[in-house]
């Protein structure tokens, strides 16, 4: 199947709520080594041709959030988040930074770009990578960002890795809306966030194992959002969900990065167009018509992030 020759399935509409489009891979740089020319324009064209109508670019710290907004300003279909990822929260203090000033800079970035910033984040907790930031620092600066959001009142774009209990305990003190993105926890953990009114965001990392799929099956469709978390979280043949991807959505032409071609995907580098694969798997696991599921998730996403757009 050619990407520019979709069948009726291309009528499905998607919003990728988590795309790391500022990542150097889209400039052709992998682990610091230049492998090919920048191809972000091709990546975006493939996205629009595949049914995506909006993309939310993830901001992982202050500088990355600035870049996300700069990129979002190049296209009326692009939006951004602003925040500091838990594994990078030491930036609040490093290099002589004043934590309050760093926080104010995040807040000013939101206020100065209100038409483009749709969420505060990526923020939250990550207990799988404590070598980057201790639990104590993560919780301290997560709460500081939540305090900031009391004046901004944005939806939250949340990170949760092996930290659901603490994340829930902190969030339960506030009355915010948002999404726990890239969710890979248990149904019991998901229900706690659902009880607080949060949505659950699913991508390839949410669909790796049979346990993941069993959890997804139990999630209510009216509380689901989908994403790619590209260039990460691609769905591989070894993953439990792979067998549910439709033939057409497995057949995008790809090459190794060393043999890059502008009209091909790069192997193992995820792209927003692969959101179609995420939808295929969720629909199959939940035994729902994929068109109906896509419509419902599209409306969920508009409700959370785009009430004003």
Protein backbone atom coordinates (compact mmCIF):
# COMPACT_ATOMS: atom_id res chain seq x y z
CA UNK A 1 0.00 0.00 0.00
CA UNK A 2 1.24 3.47 -0.86
CA UNK A 3 0.97 6.04 1.90
CA UNK A 4 -0.57 8.56 -0.53
CA UNK A 5 -3.21 6.10 -1.71
CA UNK A 6 -5.21 5.25 1.43
CA UNK A 7 -8.55 3.49 1.18
CA UNK A 8 -11.71 4.42 3.07
CA UNK A 9 -9.96 3.84 6.41
CA UNK A 10 -8.15 7.14 5.83
CA UNK A 11 -11.42 8.90 6.64
CA UNK A 12 -10.77 8.16 10.30
CA UNK A 13 -9.60 11.26 12.16
CA UNK A 14 -6.81 11.19 14.74
CA UNK A 15 -5.15 13.51 17.22
CA UNK A 16 -1.76 12.34 18.47
CA UNK A 17 -1.59 13.66 22.03
CA UNK A 18 2.11 12.82 22.49
CA UNK A 19 4.61 13.39 19.68
CA UNK A 20 8.24 14.23 20.50
CA UNK A 21 8.80 16.06 17.24
CA UNK A 22 11.70 18.11 18.61
CA UNK A 23 13.78 14.93 18.96
CA UNK A 24 17.03 15.02 16.94
CA UNK A 25 16.01 11.85 15.07
CA UNK A 26 13.72 13.97 12.92
CA UNK A 27 16.77 16.03 12.00
CA UNK A 28 18.53 12.81 10.95
CA UNK A 29 20.66 12.66 14.12
CA UNK A 30 20.87 9.37 16.04
CA UNK A 31 22.93 9.15 19.24
CA UNK A 32 24.75 12.29 18.21
CA UNK A 33 25.63 11.02 14.72
CA UNK A 34 24.17 12.55 11.55
CA UNK A 35 22.73 9.79 9.34
CA UNK A 36 20.52 11.71 6.92
CA UNK A 37 19.04 15.12 6.24
CA UNK A 38 16.19 16.56 8.26
CA UNK A 39 12.90 14.96 7.21
CA UNK A 40 10.39 16.44 9.62
CA UNK A 41 8.45 17.98 6.75
CA UNK A 42 8.05 14.51 5.21
CA UNK A 43 7.04 13.05 8.58
CA UNK A 44 4.36 15.71 8.94
CA UNK A 45 3.07 15.24 5.40
CA UNK A 46 2.70 11.52 6.04
CA UNK A 47 0.85 12.37 9.24
CA UNK A 48 -1.71 14.61 7.55
CA UNK A 49 -2.12 12.14 4.67
CA UNK A 50 -2.85 9.37 7.21
CA UNK A 51 -5.78 11.05 8.92
CA UNK A 52 -4.13 13.09 11.63
CA UNK A 53 -5.78 16.48 12.04
CA UNK A 54 -3.82 17.74 15.05
CA UNK A 55 -0.55 16.85 16.80
CA UNK A 56 0.50 17.81 20.32
CA UNK A 57 4.26 18.21 20.62
CA UNK A 58 5.60 17.18 24.02
CA UNK A 59 7.72 19.57 26.06
CA UNK A 60 10.06 17.78 28.47
CA UNK A 61 11.86 20.75 30.03
CA UNK A 62 11.99 24.53 29.60
CA UNK A 63 14.20 24.58 26.50
CA UNK A 64 12.36 21.70 24.85
CA UNK A 65 9.03 23.36 25.57
CA UNK A 66 10.27 26.52 23.83
CA UNK A 67 11.27 24.47 20.79
CA UNK A 68 7.92 22.68 20.83
CA UNK A 69 6.11 26.03 20.71
CA UNK A 70 8.38 27.33 17.95
CA UNK A 71 7.55 24.27 15.89
CA UNK A 72 3.84 24.52 16.73
CA UNK A 73 3.86 28.09 15.42
CA UNK A 74 4.76 26.81 11.94
CA UNK A 75 1.42 25.02 11.39
CA UNK A 76 -2.10 25.62 12.66
CA UNK A 77 -2.50 21.86 13.22
CA UNK A 78 0.41 21.70 15.70
CA UNK A 79 0.15 22.37 19.43
CA UNK A 80 2.48 21.96 22.41
CA UNK A 81 2.79 21.13 26.08
CA UNK A 82 4.99 22.97 28.58
CA UNK A 83 6.54 21.30 31.60
CA UNK A 84 9.44 19.45 33.17
CA UNK A 85 9.71 15.65 32.97
CA UNK A 86 10.39 13.86 36.28
CA UNK A 87 13.76 12.51 35.11
CA UNK A 88 14.85 16.07 34.29
CA UNK A 89 13.51 17.87 37.35
CA UNK A 90 17.03 18.41 38.73
CA UNK A 91 17.13 21.26 36.21
CA UNK A 92 15.14 23.30 38.71
CA UNK A 93 18.33 23.48 40.79
CA UNK A 94 21.30 22.71 38.55
CA UNK A 95 23.78 25.27 37.22
CA UNK A 96 22.77 27.69 39.94
CA UNK A 97 19.14 27.82 38.80
CA UNK A 98 16.61 29.35 41.15
CA UNK A 99 13.69 26.87 41.35
CA UNK A 100 11.12 29.65 41.58
CA UNK A 101 12.60 31.39 38.56
CA UNK A 102 12.61 28.17 36.54
CA UNK A 103 8.96 27.63 37.46
CA UNK A 104 8.07 31.22 36.57
CA UNK A 105 9.77 30.77 33.21
CA UNK A 106 7.55 27.76 32.52
CA UNK A 107 4.50 29.77 33.53
CA UNK A 108 5.44 32.74 31.37
CA UNK A 109 6.00 30.42 28.41
CA UNK A 110 2.43 29.19 28.80
CA UNK A 111 0.94 32.67 29.21
CA UNK A 112 2.83 34.12 26.24
CA UNK A 113 1.71 31.29 23.96
CA UNK A 114 -1.79 30.57 25.22
CA UNK A 115 -3.19 29.78 21.77
CA UNK A 116 -0.65 27.00 21.23
CA UNK A 117 -0.13 25.46 24.69
CA UNK A 118 -2.84 22.91 25.48
CA UNK A 119 -1.41 21.16 28.57
CA UNK A 120 1.03 21.44 31.45
CA UNK A 121 3.54 18.64 31.16
CA UNK A 122 5.15 16.32 30.63
CA UNK A 123 5.32 16.09 34.40
CA UNK A 124 4.79 13.37 36.97
CA UNK A 125 6.86 10.61 38.57
CA UNK A 126 9.28 7.97 37.27
CA UNK A 127 10.63 5.47 39.79
CA UNK A 128 12.25 3.29 37.11
CA UNK A 129 15.00 5.86 36.47
CA UNK A 130 15.93 7.23 39.84
CA UNK A 131 19.54 7.62 38.69
CA UNK A 132 18.43 10.86 37.03
CA UNK A 133 16.38 12.31 39.87
CA UNK A 134 15.52 11.02 43.35
CA UNK A 135 11.97 10.31 44.49
CA UNK A 136 12.11 13.27 46.85
CA UNK A 137 13.15 15.72 44.14
CA UNK A 138 10.61 14.31 41.69
CA UNK A 139 7.75 14.74 44.14
CA UNK A 140 8.92 18.21 45.17
CA UNK A 141 9.03 19.59 41.65
CA UNK A 142 5.96 17.75 40.46
CA UNK A 143 3.99 19.43 43.22
CA UNK A 144 5.59 22.76 42.37
CA UNK A 145 4.29 22.43 38.81
CA UNK A 146 0.85 21.52 40.13
CA UNK A 147 0.91 24.66 42.28
CA UNK A 148 1.72 26.63 39.14
CA UNK A 149 -1.25 25.04 37.41
CA UNK A 150 -3.62 26.37 40.04
CA UNK A 151 -3.30 29.71 38.24
CA UNK A 152 -2.99 28.32 34.70
CA UNK A 153 -5.76 25.71 34.97
CA UNK A 154 -4.49 23.64 32.05
CA UNK A 155 -5.08 19.93 31.50
CA UNK A 156 -2.16 17.84 32.77
CA UNK A 157 -0.02 15.63 30.55
CA UNK A 158 1.24 13.10 33.09
CA UNK A 159 4.13 10.63 33.24
CA UNK A 160 3.83 7.56 35.48
CA UNK A 161 6.38 4.77 35.69
CA UNK A 162 6.30 2.38 38.66
CA UNK A 163 4.90 5.24 40.75
CA UNK A 164 1.11 5.02 40.53
CA UNK A 165 0.41 5.12 44.27
CA UNK A 166 2.44 8.28 44.88
CA UNK A 167 1.13 9.93 41.71
CA UNK A 168 -2.43 9.21 42.78
CA UNK A 169 -1.83 10.50 46.32
CA UNK A 170 -0.45 13.79 45.00
CA UNK A 171 -3.09 14.28 42.30
CA UNK A 172 -5.91 13.57 44.74
CA UNK A 173 -5.08 16.83 46.54
CA UNK A 174 -5.96 18.88 43.44
CA UNK A 175 -8.96 19.27 41.14
CA UNK A 176 -7.38 19.10 37.72
CA UNK A 177 -8.18 17.30 34.49
CA UNK A 178 -5.64 15.52 32.35
CA UNK A 179 -4.27 12.29 30.99
CA UNK A 180 -1.90 9.67 32.37
CA UNK A 181 -0.02 9.16 29.14
CA UNK A 182 1.80 6.05 27.89
CA UNK A 183 -0.03 4.01 30.52
CA UNK A 184 1.41 0.55 31.18
CA UNK A 185 0.09 -0.15 34.66
CA UNK A 186 -2.59 -2.45 36.05
CA UNK A 187 -6.35 -2.04 35.75
CA UNK A 188 -6.48 -1.35 39.49
CA UNK A 189 -4.04 1.54 39.05
CA UNK A 190 -5.96 2.83 36.05
CA UNK A 191 -9.23 2.82 37.98
CA UNK A 192 -7.72 5.04 40.66
CA UNK A 193 -6.86 7.67 38.07
CA UNK A 194 -10.22 7.24 36.36
CA UNK A 195 -11.93 7.84 39.71
CA UNK A 196 -10.14 11.21 39.87
CA UNK A 197 -11.53 12.05 36.45
CA UNK A 198 -8.36 11.52 34.43
CA UNK A 199 -8.08 10.00 30.98
CA UNK A 200 -5.75 7.13 30.10
CA UNK A 201 -3.34 7.60 27.18
CA UNK A 202 -2.31 4.52 25.19
CA UNK A 203 0.56 3.97 22.76
CA UNK A 204 2.81 1.12 21.67
CA UNK A 205 4.37 0.88 25.13
CA UNK A 206 0.87 0.24 26.50
CA UNK A 207 0.34 -2.75 24.22
CA UNK A 208 3.49 -4.86 24.61
CA UNK A 209 2.35 -7.75 26.78
CA UNK A 210 -0.77 -9.85 27.24
CA UNK A 211 -1.17 -8.28 30.68
CA UNK A 212 -1.18 -4.86 28.97
CA UNK A 213 -3.89 -6.02 26.58
CA UNK A 214 -5.96 -7.47 29.41
CA UNK A 215 -5.84 -4.06 31.09
CA UNK A 216 -6.79 -2.20 27.91
CA UNK A 217 -9.78 -4.48 27.44
CA UNK A 218 -11.22 -3.29 30.76
CA UNK A 219 -10.68 0.44 30.19
CA UNK A 220 -13.80 2.49 29.36
CA UNK A 221 -13.64 3.84 25.81
CA UNK A 222 -15.00 7.23 26.84
CA UNK A 223 -11.86 7.78 28.95
CA UNK A 224 -9.26 6.76 26.35
CA UNK A 225 -6.85 8.91 24.37
CA UNK A 226 -4.23 7.64 21.91
CA UNK A 227 -0.71 8.70 21.03
CA UNK A 228 2.50 7.47 19.47
CA UNK A 229 5.11 8.99 21.85
CA UNK A 230 7.22 9.05 18.70
CA UNK A 231 10.06 8.55 17.92
CA UNK A 232 9.74 6.02 20.76
CA UNK A 233 7.20 3.29 21.52
CA UNK A 234 6.99 1.72 18.07
CA UNK A 235 4.99 -1.51 17.92
CA UNK A 236 7.23 -4.46 17.09
CA UNK A 237 6.45 -7.99 15.85
CA UNK A 238 7.43 -9.38 19.27
CA UNK A 239 4.75 -7.33 21.04
CA UNK A 240 1.48 -8.96 22.05
CA UNK A 241 -0.60 -6.40 20.22
CA UNK A 242 1.20 -6.61 16.87
CA UNK A 243 -0.99 -9.41 15.51
CA UNK A 244 -4.04 -7.15 15.69
CA UNK A 245 -2.67 -4.49 13.34
CA UNK A 246 -4.50 -4.50 10.02
CA UNK A 247 -2.54 -5.47 6.94
CA UNK A 248 -2.73 -1.98 5.46
CA UNK A 249 -1.29 -0.43 8.61
CA UNK A 250 1.65 -2.85 8.69
CA UNK A 251 2.70 -2.07 5.15
CA UNK A 252 4.18 1.43 5.28
CA UNK A 253 7.52 1.20 3.41
CA UNK A 254 10.57 1.62 5.66
CA UNK A 255 14.35 1.53 5.39
CA UNK A 256 17.30 1.58 7.76
CA UNK A 257 18.45 5.07 8.70
CA UNK A 258 21.69 4.56 6.76
CA UNK A 259 19.64 4.05 3.58
CA UNK A 260 17.21 6.87 4.23
CA UNK A 261 14.66 7.89 1.60
CA UNK A 262 12.35 10.88 1.96
CA UNK A 263 9.21 8.88 1.13
CA UNK A 264 9.99 6.01 3.52
CA UNK A 265 9.75 5.53 7.26
CA UNK A 266 12.96 4.85 9.19
CA UNK A 267 13.04 1.42 10.81
CA UNK A 268 12.58 1.56 14.62
CA UNK A 269 11.87 5.31 14.52
CA UNK A 270 8.21 5.81 15.31
CA UNK A 271 6.10 8.41 13.50
CA UNK A 272 2.67 9.94 14.15
CA UNK A 273 1.08 8.06 11.24
CA UNK A 274 1.53 4.85 13.27
CA UNK A 275 -1.25 6.02 15.55
CA UNK A 276 -3.42 3.98 13.17
CA UNK A 277 -1.73 0.84 14.51
CA UNK A 278 -2.54 1.81 18.10
CA UNK A 279 -6.20 2.24 17.16
CA UNK A 280 -6.28 -1.14 15.40
CA UNK A 281 -5.01 -2.97 18.47
CA UNK A 282 -7.29 -1.23 20.97
CA UNK A 283 -10.35 -1.85 18.80
CA UNK A 284 -9.50 -5.54 18.40
CA UNK A 285 -8.79 -6.07 22.09
CA UNK A 286 -12.00 -4.30 23.13
CA UNK A 287 -13.99 -5.95 20.30
CA UNK A 288 -15.29 -2.59 19.09
CA UNK A 289 -15.60 -1.36 15.49
CA UNK A 290 -12.45 0.63 14.84
CA UNK A 291 -14.36 3.49 13.16
CA UNK A 292 -16.62 3.93 16.19
CA UNK A 293 -13.68 3.73 18.60
CA UNK A 294 -11.71 6.32 16.61
CA UNK A 295 -14.68 8.68 16.63
CA UNK A 296 -15.09 8.30 20.37
CA UNK A 297 -11.40 8.87 21.11
CA UNK A 298 -11.34 11.87 18.77
CA UNK A 299 -14.21 13.43 20.73
CA UNK A 300 -12.52 12.56 24.05
CA UNK A 301 -9.40 14.37 22.89
CA UNK A 302 -11.25 17.46 21.74
CA UNK A 303 -13.11 17.58 25.04
CA UNK A 304 -9.93 17.53 27.12
CA UNK A 305 -7.54 19.66 25.07
CA UNK A 306 -9.45 21.63 22.47
CA UNK A 307 -12.59 23.05 24.03
CA UNK A 308 -11.31 26.51 23.13
CA UNK A 309 -9.89 25.62 19.71
